[in-house]
Protein backbone atom coordinates (compact mmCIF):
# COMPACT_ATOMS: atom_id res chain seq x y z
CA MET A 1 133.75 43.70 189.00
CA LYS A 2 133.47 46.81 191.16
CA LEU A 3 132.04 46.72 194.71
CA ILE A 4 129.79 49.69 195.58
CA PHE A 5 128.11 50.42 198.91
CA LYS A 6 124.93 52.53 198.99
CA GLU A 7 124.36 54.88 201.93
CA PRO A 8 122.00 52.60 203.96
CA ALA A 9 124.62 49.83 203.90
CA LEU A 10 127.40 52.24 204.85
CA LYS A 11 125.27 53.58 207.70
CA THR A 12 124.87 50.06 209.09
CA LEU A 13 128.63 49.49 208.92
CA ARG A 14 129.32 52.81 210.68
CA LEU A 15 126.81 52.02 213.44
CA GLN A 16 128.33 48.58 213.95
CA ARG A 17 131.83 50.05 214.00
CA ASP A 18 130.85 52.68 216.59
CA PHE A 19 129.07 50.11 218.75
CA LEU A 20 132.07 47.78 218.77
CA ASP A 21 134.44 50.64 219.55
CA SER A 22 132.26 51.61 222.52
CA LYS A 23 132.27 48.06 223.92
CA ASN A 24 135.86 47.08 223.10
CA THR A 25 139.16 48.79 222.46
CA ILE A 26 139.32 51.67 220.01
CA GLY A 27 139.95 50.32 216.53
CA SER A 28 138.18 47.00 217.05
CA GLY A 29 135.18 48.32 215.12
CA ASN A 30 137.34 49.25 212.15
CA ARG A 31 138.97 45.82 212.15
CA TYR A 32 135.53 44.16 212.22
CA VAL A 33 134.27 46.30 209.33
CA LEU A 34 137.37 45.53 207.24
CA LYS A 35 136.92 41.79 207.82
CA PHE A 36 133.23 42.09 206.98
CA LYS A 37 134.02 43.91 203.73
CA ASP A 38 136.56 41.19 202.88
CA SER A 39 133.81 38.60 203.43
CA ILE A 40 131.56 40.49 201.02
CA LYS A 41 134.38 40.73 198.47
CA SER A 42 134.59 36.93 198.42
CA PHE A 43 131.11 36.92 196.82
CA VAL A 44 132.04 39.43 194.11
CA GLN A 45 132.62 37.06 191.21
CA PRO A 46 131.94 37.79 187.54
CA ASN A 47 129.43 35.60 185.68
CA THR A 48 127.84 34.27 188.86
CA GLN A 49 124.10 33.90 189.48
CA TYR A 50 122.84 34.63 192.98
CA ALA A 51 119.55 33.62 194.56
CA LYS A 52 116.90 36.26 195.09
CA CYS A 53 116.10 37.20 198.68
CA ASN A 54 113.58 35.07 200.58
CA ASN A 55 112.16 38.12 202.34
CA THR A 56 109.14 39.50 200.44
CA VAL A 57 110.05 43.15 200.99
CA LEU A 58 113.60 42.68 199.74
CA LEU A 59 112.33 40.56 196.87
CA LYS A 60 110.02 43.40 195.74
CA PHE A 61 113.13 45.51 195.19
CA GLY A 62 114.69 42.70 193.15
CA TYR A 63 117.58 42.18 195.56
CA SER A 64 119.68 39.08 195.80
CA CYS A 65 120.89 38.13 199.27
CA VAL A 66 123.84 36.42 200.87
CA THR A 67 124.30 35.63 204.55
CA ILE A 68 127.49 36.55 206.35
CA GLY A 69 127.37 35.42 209.96
CA LYS A 70 124.20 36.91 211.41
CA TRP A 71 123.93 39.57 208.71
CA ILE A 72 121.93 39.56 205.48
CA VAL A 73 123.52 41.49 202.62
CA ALA A 74 121.02 42.63 199.98
CA PHE A 75 122.55 43.54 196.62
CA LYS A 76 122.08 43.81 192.89
CA ILE A 77 124.49 43.23 190.06
CA GLU A 78 124.21 45.94 187.43
CA GLU A 79 126.57 45.97 184.46
CA ASP A 80 129.97 45.35 186.04
CA ASN A 81 129.00 46.58 189.52
CA PHE A 82 128.18 44.60 192.66
CA ILE A 83 126.00 47.11 194.50
CA ILE A 84 125.26 46.60 198.22
CA TYR A 85 121.96 48.28 199.12
CA GLU A 86 121.24 46.99 202.61
CA ILE A 87 122.99 45.13 205.40
CA ILE A 88 120.39 43.84 207.84
CA LEU A 89 120.65 41.87 211.04
CA GLY A 90 119.05 38.51 210.18
CA SER A 91 116.92 38.38 213.32
CA LEU A 92 115.17 41.59 212.24
CA LEU A 93 113.77 39.90 209.12
CA GLN A 94 111.76 37.25 210.99
């Protein structure tokens, strides 16, 4: 199964990377993003059913959601692709 990131999700990762680099040593943001992507990859399993998102707006788009730390990852599985559409800070959904 192929992992694909849409632009809104990539934008969130870039912003998080830049923020961490500004607060810590250069490169810490990249390390965080790589670990985060590895966490997402652990969910990319063929023939697996995922729960739909609890948030009504995300549910309208038909997204499934997983939680990684304080982040909500909204995705769809289409054909043999695991497509990440949004990565949202969980506290923003309340």
